[in-house]
Amino acid sequence: MREETTWRIPFGVLALMVGLTIYALAVAWASDWIGQLHVLLQTVIYLVLGVVWLLPLRRFLIWMETGSWSPPAQD
């Protein structure tokens, strides 16, 4: 448990909210183009777009908690 407060957690939560909002708006903007494709291709695209934002999330959450971009070394 952390003994002192840190600015990274409130900043990280706000950055995550802003980033996800921008990402969602970009996907919504692209939906006009995606909507013209075959329904199976739309499904694949939306599945990929729904999961791809998770890729950088682990490192971002580690940074929020520890201040380092990589996980702590295992002994």
PDB file of N, CA and C in Angstrom:
ATOM      1  N   MET A   1       0.836  -1.183   0.000  1.00  0.00           N
ATOM      2  CA  MET A   1       0.000   0.000   0.000  1.00  0.00           C
ATOM      3  C   MET A   1       0.879   1.244   0.000  1.00  0.00           C
ATOM      4  N   ARG A   2       0.487   2.213  -0.752  1.00  0.00           N
ATOM      5  CA  ARG A   2       1.216   3.465  -0.886  1.00  0.00           C
ATOM      6  C   ARG A   2       1.106   4.281   0.401  1.00  0.00           C
ATOM      7  N   GLU A   3       2.216   4.863   0.854  1.00  0.00           N
ATOM      8  CA  GLU A   3       2.210   5.655   2.090  1.00  0.00           C
ATOM      9  C   GLU A   3       1.996   7.147   1.832  1.00  0.00           C
ATOM     10  N   GLU A   4       2.366   7.598   0.636  1.00  0.00           N
ATOM     11  CA  GLU A   4       2.188   9.022   0.323  1.00  0.00           C
ATOM     12  C   GLU A   4       1.336   9.173  -0.930  1.00  0.00           C
ATOM     13  N   THR A   5       0.679  10.305  -1.014  1.00  0.00           N
ATOM     14  CA  THR A   5      -0.171  10.552  -2.176  1.00  0.00           C
ATOM     15  C   THR A   5       0.683  10.867  -3.390  1.00  0.00           C
ATOM     16  N   THR A   6       0.107  10.648  -4.557  1.00  0.00           N
ATOM     17  CA  THR A   6       0.816  10.914  -5.796  1.00  0.00           C
ATOM     18  C   THR A   6      -0.126  11.587  -6.787  1.00  0.00           C
ATOM     19  N   TRP A   7       0.421  12.412  -7.643  1.00  0.00           N
ATOM     20  CA  TRP A   7      -0.377  13.120  -8.640  1.00  0.00           C
ATOM     21  C   TRP A   7      -0.709  12.209  -9.813  1.00  0.00           C
ATOM     22  N   ARG A   8      -0.003  11.070  -9.944  1.00  0.00           N
ATOM     23  CA  ARG A   8      -0.171  10.218 -11.121  1.00  0.00           C
ATOM     24  C   ARG A   8      -1.558   9.588 -11.204  1.00  0.00           C
ATOM     25  N   ILE A   9      -2.157   9.260 -10.073  1.00  0.00           N
ATOM     26  CA  ILE A   9      -3.459   8.570 -10.127  1.00  0.00           C
ATOM     27  C   ILE A   9      -4.571   9.509 -10.618  1.00  0.00           C
ATOM     28  N   PRO A  10      -4.769  10.690 -10.032  1.00  0.00           N
ATOM     29  CA  PRO A  10      -5.820  11.555 -10.573  1.00  0.00           C
ATOM     30  C   PRO A  10      -5.525  11.992 -12.014  1.00  0.00           C
ATOM     31  N   PHE A  11      -4.254  12.277 -12.314  1.00  0.00           N
ATOM     32  CA  PHE A  11      -3.880  12.643 -13.678  1.00  0.00           C
ATOM     33  C   PHE A  11      -4.141  11.473 -14.624  1.00  0.00           C
ATOM     34  N   GLY A  12      -3.785  10.263 -14.206  1.00  0.00           N
ATOM     35  CA  GLY A  12      -3.982   9.085 -15.035  1.00  0.00           C
ATOM     36  C   GLY A  12      -5.445   8.797 -15.318  1.00  0.00           C
ATOM     37  N   VAL A  13      -6.285   8.964 -14.314  1.00  0.00           N
ATOM     38  CA  VAL A  13      -7.724   8.741 -14.503  1.00  0.00           C
ATOM     39  C   VAL A  13      -8.281   9.761 -15.493  1.00  0.00           C
ATOM     40  N   LEU A  14      -7.905  11.016 -15.338  1.00  0.00           N
ATOM     41  CA  LEU A  14      -8.368  12.050 -16.274  1.00  0.00           C
ATOM     42  C   LEU A  14      -7.837  11.791 -17.681  1.00  0.00           C
ATOM     43  N   ALA A  15      -6.561  11.429 -17.790  1.00  0.00           N
ATOM     44  CA  ALA A  15      -5.969  11.143 -19.107  1.00  0.00           C
ATOM     45  C   ALA A  15      -6.658   9.946 -19.751  1.00  0.00           C
ATOM     46  N   LEU A  16      -6.968   8.940 -18.961  1.00  0.00           N
ATOM     47  CA  LEU A  16      -7.661   7.767 -19.487  1.00  0.00           C
ATOM     48  C   LEU A  16      -9.052   8.141 -19.998  1.00  0.00           C
ATOM     49  N   MET A  17      -9.773   8.959 -19.242  1.00  0.00           N
ATOM     50  CA  MET A  17     -11.104   9.389 -19.668  1.00  0.00           C
ATOM     51  C   MET A  17     -11.038  10.210 -20.948  1.00  0.00           C
ATOM     52  N   VAL A  18     -10.086  11.131 -21.019  1.00  0.00           N
ATOM     53  CA  VAL A  18      -9.934  11.959 -22.224  1.00  0.00           C
ATOM     54  C   VAL A  18      -9.524  11.100 -23.415  1.00  0.00           C
ATOM     55  N   GLY A  19      -8.558  10.211 -23.197  1.00  0.00           N
ATOM     56  CA  GLY A  19      -8.085   9.353 -24.280  1.00  0.00           C
ATOM     57  C   GLY A  19      -9.169   8.436 -24.808  1.00  0.00           C
ATOM     58  N   LEU A  20      -9.933   7.828 -23.914  1.00  0.00           N
ATOM     59  CA  LEU A  20     -11.011   6.943 -24.358  1.00  0.00           C
ATOM     60  C   LEU A  20     -12.130   7.710 -25.051  1.00  0.00           C
ATOM     61  N   THR A  21     -12.380   8.934 -24.611  1.00  0.00           N
ATOM     62  CA  THR A  21     -13.387   9.760 -25.287  1.00  0.00           C
ATOM     63  C   THR A  21     -12.947  10.083 -26.709  1.00  0.00           C
ATOM     64  N   ILE A  22     -11.691  10.466 -26.862  1.00  0.00           N
ATOM     65  CA  ILE A  22     -11.172  10.760 -28.203  1.00  0.00           C
ATOM     66  C   ILE A  22     -11.207   9.509 -29.068  1.00  0.00           C
ATOM     67  N   TYR A  23     -10.815   8.368 -28.503  1.00  0.00           N
ATOM     68  CA  TYR A  23     -10.829   7.106 -29.243  1.00  0.00           C
ATOM     69  C   TYR A  23     -12.257   6.753 -29.672  1.00  0.00           C
ATOM     70  N   ALA A  24     -13.207   6.889 -28.758  1.00  0.00           N
ATOM     71  CA  ALA A  24     -14.603   6.572 -29.075  1.00  0.00           C
ATOM     72  C   ALA A  24     -15.150   7.510 -30.153  1.00  0.00           C
ATOM     73  N   LEU A  25     -14.793   8.782 -30.086  1.00  0.00           N
ATOM     74  CA  LEU A  25     -15.237   9.729 -31.112  1.00  0.00           C
ATOM     75  C   LEU A  25     -14.623   9.392 -32.469  1.00  0.00           C
ATOM     76  N   ALA A  26     -13.372   8.950 -32.477  1.00  0.00           N
ATOM     77  CA  ALA A  26     -12.722   8.571 -33.734  1.00  0.00           C
ATOM     78  C   ALA A  26     -13.405   7.335 -34.336  1.00  0.00           C
ATOM     79  N   VAL A  27     -13.735   6.374 -33.499  1.00  0.00           N
ATOM     80  CA  VAL A  27     -14.434   5.182 -33.996  1.00  0.00           C
ATOM     81  C   VAL A  27     -15.822   5.564 -34.494  1.00  0.00           C
ATOM     82  N   ALA A  28     -16.511   6.428 -33.779  1.00  0.00           N
ATOM     83  CA  ALA A  28     -17.838   6.875 -34.217  1.00  0.00           C
ATOM     84  C   ALA A  28     -17.742   7.618 -35.547  1.00  0.00           C
ATOM     85  N   TRP A  29     -16.697   8.434 -35.713  1.00  0.00           N
ATOM     86  CA  TRP A  29     -16.500   9.148 -36.968  1.00  0.00           C
ATOM     87  C   TRP A  29     -16.245   8.162 -38.113  1.00  0.00           C
ATOM     88  N   ALA A  30     -15.475   7.112 -37.841  1.00  0.00           N
ATOM     89  CA  ALA A  30     -15.157   6.108 -38.864  1.00  0.00           C
ATOM     90  C   ALA A  30     -16.333   5.170 -39.131  1.00  0.00           C
ATOM     91  N   SER A  31     -17.345   5.193 -38.288  1.00  0.00           N
ATOM     92  CA  SER A  31     -18.459   4.262 -38.453  1.00  0.00           C
ATOM     93  C   SER A  31     -19.228   4.486 -39.756  1.00  0.00           C
ATOM     94  N   ASP A  32     -19.222   5.706 -40.296  1.00  0.00           N
ATOM     95  CA  ASP A  32     -19.863   5.943 -41.594  1.00  0.00           C
ATOM     96  C   ASP A  32     -19.178   5.114 -42.678  1.00  0.00           C
ATOM     97  N   TRP A  33     -17.865   5.106 -42.662  1.00  0.00           N
ATOM     98  CA  TRP A  33     -17.105   4.322 -43.634  1.00  0.00           C
ATOM     99  C   TRP A  33     -17.239   2.821 -43.350  1.00  0.00           C
ATOM    100  N   ILE A  34     -17.144   2.454 -42.078  1.00  0.00           N
ATOM    101  CA  ILE A  34     -17.239   1.037 -41.705  1.00  0.00           C
ATOM    102  C   ILE A  34     -18.628   0.492 -42.024  1.00  0.00           C
ATOM    103  N   GLY A  35     -19.648   1.303 -41.877  1.00  0.00           N
ATOM    104  CA  GLY A  35     -21.023   0.885 -42.140  1.00  0.00           C
ATOM    105  C   GLY A  35     -21.295   0.520 -43.578  1.00  0.00           C
ATOM    106  N   GLN A  36     -20.438   0.926 -44.485  1.00  0.00           N
ATOM    107  CA  GLN A  36     -20.611   0.607 -45.905  1.00  0.00           C
ATOM    108  C   GLN A  36     -20.035  -0.765 -46.256  1.00  0.00           C
ATOM    109  N   LEU A  37     -19.317  -1.377 -45.337  1.00  0.00           N
ATOM    110  CA  LEU A  37     -18.685  -2.670 -45.592  1.00  0.00           C
ATOM    111  C   LEU A  37     -19.654  -3.810 -45.308  1.00  0.00           C
ATOM    112  N   HIS A  38     -19.274  -5.001 -45.724  1.00  0.00           N
ATOM    113  CA  HIS A  38     -20.074  -6.200 -45.453  1.00  0.00           C
ATOM    114  C   HIS A  38     -20.192  -6.402 -43.947  1.00  0.00           C
ATOM    115  N   VAL A  39     -21.319  -6.949 -43.503  1.00  0.00           N
ATOM    116  CA  VAL A  39     -21.603  -7.060 -42.076  1.00  0.00           C
ATOM    117  C   VAL A  39     -20.563  -7.911 -41.342  1.00  0.00           C
ATOM    118  N   LEU A  40     -20.024  -8.957 -41.964  1.00  0.00           N
ATOM    119  CA  LEU A  40     -19.005  -9.767 -41.293  1.00  0.00           C
ATOM    120  C   LEU A  40     -17.709  -8.993 -41.124  1.00  0.00           C
ATOM    121  N   LEU A  41     -17.359  -8.195 -42.113  1.00  0.00           N
ATOM    122  CA  LEU A  41     -16.167  -7.357 -42.006  1.00  0.00           C
ATOM    123  C   LEU A  41     -16.368  -6.270 -40.947  1.00  0.00           C
ATOM    124  N   GLN A  42     -17.576  -5.722 -40.869  1.00  0.00           N
ATOM    125  CA  GLN A  42     -17.885  -4.744 -39.822  1.00  0.00           C
ATOM    126  C   GLN A  42     -17.701  -5.371 -38.440  1.00  0.00           C
ATOM    127  N   THR A  43     -18.167  -6.594 -38.293  1.00  0.00           N
ATOM    128  CA  THR A  43     -18.057  -7.283 -37.006  1.00  0.00           C
ATOM    129  C   THR A  43     -16.606  -7.440 -36.601  1.00  0.00           C
ATOM    130  N   VAL A  44     -15.775  -7.880 -37.539  1.00  0.00           N
ATOM    131  CA  VAL A  44     -14.349  -8.056 -37.245  1.00  0.00           C
ATOM    132  C   VAL A  44     -13.711  -6.722 -36.881  1.00  0.00           C
ATOM    133  N   ILE A  45     -14.001  -5.680 -37.634  1.00  0.00           N
ATOM    134  CA  ILE A  45     -13.417  -4.355 -37.372  1.00  0.00           C
ATOM    135  C   ILE A  45     -13.829  -3.853 -35.994  1.00  0.00           C
ATOM    136  N   TYR A  46     -15.116  -3.957 -35.664  1.00  0.00           N
ATOM    137  CA  TYR A  46     -15.571  -3.465 -34.362  1.00  0.00           C
ATOM    138  C   TYR A  46     -15.029  -4.308 -33.209  1.00  0.00           C
ATOM    139  N   LEU A  47     -14.852  -5.608 -33.426  1.00  0.00           N
ATOM    140  CA  LEU A  47     -14.230  -6.438 -32.391  1.00  0.00           C
ATOM    141  C   LEU A  47     -12.787  -6.019 -32.162  1.00  0.00           C
ATOM    142  N   VAL A  48     -12.054  -5.793 -33.242  1.00  0.00           N
ATOM    143  CA  VAL A  48     -10.653  -5.361 -33.114  1.00  0.00           C
ATOM    144  C   VAL A  48     -10.584  -3.988 -32.450  1.00  0.00           C
ATOM    145  N   LEU A  49     -11.403  -3.051 -32.906  1.00  0.00           N
ATOM    146  CA  LEU A  49     -11.393  -1.710 -32.315  1.00  0.00           C
ATOM    147  C   LEU A  49     -11.853  -1.725 -30.856  1.00  0.00           C
ATOM    148  N   GLY A  50     -12.697  -2.671 -30.498  1.00  0.00           N
ATOM    149  CA  GLY A  50     -13.156  -2.769 -29.122  1.00  0.00           C
ATOM    150  C   GLY A  50     -12.117  -3.342 -28.179  1.00  0.00           C
ATOM    151  N   VAL A  51     -11.116  -4.036 -28.727  1.00  0.00           N
ATOM    152  CA  VAL A  51     -10.092  -4.670 -27.900  1.00  0.00           C
ATOM    153  C   VAL A  51      -8.756  -3.939 -27.968  1.00  0.00           C
ATOM    154  N   VAL A  52      -8.462  -3.288 -29.082  1.00  0.00           N
ATOM    155  CA  VAL A  52      -7.131  -2.714 -29.298  1.00  0.00           C
ATOM    156  C   VAL A  52      -6.776  -1.624 -28.285  1.00  0.00           C
ATOM    157  N   TRP A  53      -7.746  -0.932 -27.758  1.00  0.00           N
ATOM    158  CA  TRP A  53      -7.446   0.121 -26.783  1.00  0.00           C
ATOM    159  C   TRP A  53      -6.918  -0.450 -25.477  1.00  0.00           C
ATOM    160  N   LEU A  54      -7.128  -1.751 -25.252  1.00  0.00           N
ATOM    161  CA  LEU A  54      -6.638  -2.388 -24.033  1.00  0.00           C
ATOM    162  C   LEU A  54      -5.128  -2.635 -24.057  1.00  0.00           C
ATOM    163  N   LEU A  55      -4.527  -2.675 -25.251  1.00  0.00           N
ATOM    164  CA  LEU A  55      -3.109  -3.015 -25.365  1.00  0.00           C
ATOM    165  C   LEU A  55      -2.193  -2.095 -24.548  1.00  0.00           C
ATOM    166  N   PRO A  56      -2.314  -0.777 -24.615  1.00  0.00           N
ATOM    167  CA  PRO A  56      -1.426   0.064 -23.817  1.00  0.00           C
ATOM    168  C   PRO A  56      -1.893   0.249 -22.369  1.00  0.00           C
ATOM    169  N   LEU A  57      -3.046  -0.283 -22.041  1.00  0.00           N
ATOM    170  CA  LEU A  57      -3.634  -0.021 -20.720  1.00  0.00           C
ATOM    171  C   LEU A  57      -2.803  -0.599 -19.581  1.00  0.00           C
ATOM    172  N   ARG A  58      -2.233  -1.787 -19.748  1.00  0.00           N
ATOM    173  CA  ARG A  58      -1.465  -2.415 -18.664  1.00  0.00           C
ATOM    174  C   ARG A  58      -0.289  -1.534 -18.252  1.00  0.00           C
ATOM    175  N   ARG A  59       0.492  -1.095 -19.237  1.00  0.00           N
ATOM    176  CA  ARG A  59       1.645  -0.240 -18.915  1.00  0.00           C
ATOM    177  C   ARG A  59       1.210   1.091 -18.313  1.00  0.00           C
ATOM    178  N   PHE A  60       0.100   1.628 -18.808  1.00  0.00           N
ATOM    179  CA  PHE A  60      -0.397   2.894 -18.278  1.00  0.00           C
ATOM    180  C   PHE A  60      -0.801   2.742 -16.813  1.00  0.00           C
ATOM    181  N   LEU A  61      -1.482   1.652 -16.473  1.00  0.00           N
ATOM    182  CA  LEU A  61      -1.887   1.420 -15.086  1.00  0.00           C
ATOM    183  C   LEU A  61      -0.679   1.159 -14.193  1.00  0.00           C
ATOM    184  N   ILE A  62       0.332   0.470 -14.718  1.00  0.00           N
ATOM    185  CA  ILE A  62       1.571   0.265 -13.961  1.00  0.00           C
ATOM    186  C   ILE A  62       2.219   1.610 -13.686  1.00  0.00           C
ATOM    187  N   TRP A  63       2.263   2.485 -14.692  1.00  0.00           N
ATOM    188  CA  TRP A  63       2.848   3.820 -14.501  1.00  0.00           C
ATOM    189  C   TRP A  63       2.070   4.599 -13.440  1.00  0.00           C
ATOM    190  N   MET A  64       0.745   4.532 -13.491  1.00  0.00           N
ATOM    191  CA  MET A  64      -0.065   5.250 -12.505  1.00  0.00           C
ATOM    192  C   MET A  64       0.266   4.789 -11.085  1.00  0.00           C
ATOM    193  N   GLU A  65       0.505   3.505 -10.918  1.00  0.00           N
ATOM    194  CA  GLU A  65       0.731   2.947  -9.590  1.00  0.00           C
ATOM    195  C   GLU A  65       2.179   3.100  -9.121  1.00  0.00           C
ATOM    196  N   THR A  66       3.152   2.932 -10.035  1.00  0.00           N
ATOM    197  CA  THR A  66       4.551   2.876  -9.614  1.00  0.00           C
ATOM    198  C   THR A  66       5.407   4.041 -10.099  1.00  0.00           C
ATOM    199  N   GLY A  67       5.003   4.695 -11.175  1.00  0.00           N
ATOM    200  CA  GLY A  67       5.828   5.742 -11.762  1.00  0.00           C
ATOM    201  C   GLY A  67       6.789   5.215 -12.795  1.00  0.00           C
ATOM    202  N   SER A  68       6.784   3.911 -13.016  1.00  0.00           N
ATOM    203  CA  SER A  68       7.640   3.272 -14.019  1.00  0.00           C
ATOM    204  C   SER A  68       6.760   2.683 -15.101  1.00  0.00           C
ATOM    205  N   TRP A  69       7.242   2.684 -16.352  1.00  0.00           N
ATOM    206  CA  TRP A  69       6.452   2.162 -17.454  1.00  0.00           C
ATOM    207  C   TRP A  69       6.546   0.648 -17.583  1.00  0.00           C
ATOM    208  N   SER A  70       7.437   0.018 -16.869  1.00  0.00           N
ATOM    209  CA  SER A  70       7.554  -1.434 -16.956  1.00  0.00           C
ATOM    210  C   SER A  70       7.238  -2.055 -15.610  1.00  0.00           C
ATOM    211  N   PRO A  71       6.782  -3.298 -15.618  1.00  0.00           N
ATOM    212  CA  PRO A  71       6.425  -3.939 -14.347  1.00  0.00           C
ATOM    213  C   PRO A  71       7.667  -4.153 -13.482  1.00  0.00           C
ATOM    214  N   PRO A  72       7.483  -4.185 -12.177  1.00  0.00           N
ATOM    215  CA  PRO A  72       8.626  -4.412 -11.298  1.00  0.00           C
ATOM    216  C   PRO A  72       9.226  -5.800 -11.533  1.00  0.00           C
ATOM    217  N   ALA A  73      10.526  -5.908 -11.350  1.00  0.00           N
ATOM    218  CA  ALA A  73      11.212  -7.185 -11.562  1.00  0.00           C
ATOM    219  C   ALA A  73      10.775  -8.201 -10.525  1.00  0.00           C
ATOM    220  N   GLN A  74      10.600  -9.427 -10.981  1.00  0.00           N
ATOM    221  CA  GLN A  74      10.228 -10.530 -10.084  1.00  0.00           C
ATOM    222  C   GLN A  74      11.495 -11.131  -9.491  1.00  0.00           C
ATOM    223  N   ASP A  75      11.503 -11.356  -8.188  1.00  0.00           N
ATOM    224  CA  ASP A  75      12.676 -11.950  -7.536  1.00  0.00           C
ATOM    225  C   ASP A  75      12.640 -13.448  -7.633  1.00  0.00           C
TER     226      ASP A  75
END
